[in-house]
Amino acid sequence: MSISMSNFATATEKSISPQDAASAIAQARETVGYTIDQLAVTTGLTVDELTAIERGEEIDASRLQRIAAALGLPATTFLVA
C-alpha cells in the first residue's frame, strides 16, 4: 500500500496500536488453527520472532505482511500506527 498526501488521513485512521496488532495476530493464528511453530514454518520467521510479535514487542511492517499472507488475510490487516 502506498500512502500519498491525499490518502494519508485514511491510512492512519485505519491503523491500530502495536498491542492491538499483537492480540489480533494471536487470535487470527488460533482461529486458523495454526500453532506458533506452524506459523513460523509458513512465514519463515522464527518462533522467537513470532513470540515477540505476539507480545507487541518487535512489530515490523514486513513481518506483519508475511503473517497476514500466511493466515490468508489482506496485507493491511495488521497496519500499525
Protein backbone atom coordinates (compact mmCIF):
# COMPACT_ATOMS: atom_id res chain seq x y z
CA MET A 1 0.00 0.00 0.00
CA SER A 2 1.38 3.38 -0.89
CA ILE A 3 0.47 6.47 1.05
CA SER A 4 0.19 9.85 -0.60
CA MET A 5 -0.92 13.10 0.96
CA SER A 6 -4.41 12.51 -0.42
CA ASN A 7 -4.88 9.17 1.34
CA PHE A 8 -2.66 9.72 4.40
CA ALA A 9 -5.56 10.53 6.73
CA THR A 10 -7.48 7.45 5.62
CA ALA A 11 -4.45 5.20 6.08
CA THR A 12 -3.68 6.50 9.57
CA GLU A 13 -7.32 6.26 10.64
CA LYS A 14 -7.25 2.53 9.87
CA SER A 15 -4.04 1.84 11.78
CA ILE A 16 -4.04 0.03 15.10
CA SER A 17 -1.74 0.08 18.11
CA PRO A 18 1.11 -2.45 18.38
CA GLN A 19 -0.66 -4.15 21.32
CA ASP A 20 -3.90 -4.46 19.35
CA ALA A 21 -1.96 -5.84 16.37
CA ALA A 22 -0.23 -8.36 18.63
CA SER A 23 -3.54 -9.52 20.06
CA ALA A 24 -5.15 -9.69 16.60
CA ILE A 25 -2.25 -11.79 15.27
CA ALA A 26 -2.54 -14.29 18.12
CA GLN A 27 -6.32 -14.50 17.67
CA ALA A 28 -6.07 -14.90 13.89
CA ARG A 29 -3.41 -17.60 14.26
CA GLU A 30 -5.56 -19.53 16.71
CA THR A 31 -8.68 -19.09 14.57
CA VAL A 32 -6.89 -20.54 11.54
CA GLY A 33 -5.74 -23.39 13.76
CA TYR A 34 -2.00 -22.77 13.49
CA THR A 35 0.39 -23.34 16.33
CA ILE A 36 3.16 -20.80 16.64
CA ASP A 37 5.53 -23.45 15.24
CA GLN A 38 3.35 -23.93 12.16
CA LEU A 39 3.13 -20.19 11.58
CA ALA A 40 6.90 -19.95 11.89
CA VAL A 41 7.35 -22.52 9.14
CA THR A 42 4.76 -20.83 6.92
CA THR A 43 6.16 -17.30 7.34
CA GLY A 44 9.85 -18.12 7.51
CA LEU A 45 10.06 -16.29 10.83
CA THR A 46 11.46 -17.90 13.94
CA VAL A 47 9.32 -18.93 16.88
CA ASP A 48 11.16 -16.31 18.97
CA GLU A 49 10.32 -13.59 16.43
CA LEU A 50 6.66 -14.58 16.37
CA THR A 51 6.50 -14.78 20.16
CA ALA A 52 7.92 -11.26 20.41
CA ILE A 53 5.44 -10.02 17.80
CA GLU A 54 2.52 -11.61 19.67
CA ARG A 55 3.75 -9.79 22.80
CA GLY A 56 3.72 -6.50 20.89
CA GLU A 57 7.49 -6.10 21.03
CA GLU A 58 9.00 -6.48 17.55
CA ILE A 59 6.28 -5.11 15.32
CA ASP A 60 7.63 -4.54 11.81
CA ALA A 61 5.60 -3.92 8.64
CA SER A 62 7.32 -6.56 6.51
CA ARG A 63 6.83 -9.23 9.17
CA LEU A 64 3.19 -8.24 9.62
CA GLN A 65 2.63 -8.60 5.87
CA ARG A 66 4.21 -12.06 5.91
CA ILE A 67 2.00 -13.11 8.81
CA ALA A 68 -1.14 -11.74 7.16
CA ALA A 69 -0.31 -13.58 3.92
CA ALA A 70 0.32 -16.83 5.80
CA LEU A 71 -3.04 -16.51 7.53
CA GLY A 72 -4.85 -15.67 4.27
CA LEU A 73 -5.63 -12.11 5.34
CA PRO A 74 -5.22 -8.81 3.48
CA ALA A 75 -1.74 -7.31 3.87
CA THR A 76 -3.19 -4.24 5.64
CA THR A 77 -4.92 -6.28 8.35
CA PHE A 78 -2.28 -5.52 10.97
CA LEU A 79 -1.40 -1.96 9.87
CA VAL A 80 0.25 -0.42 12.92
CA ALA A 81 0.19 3.25 13.88
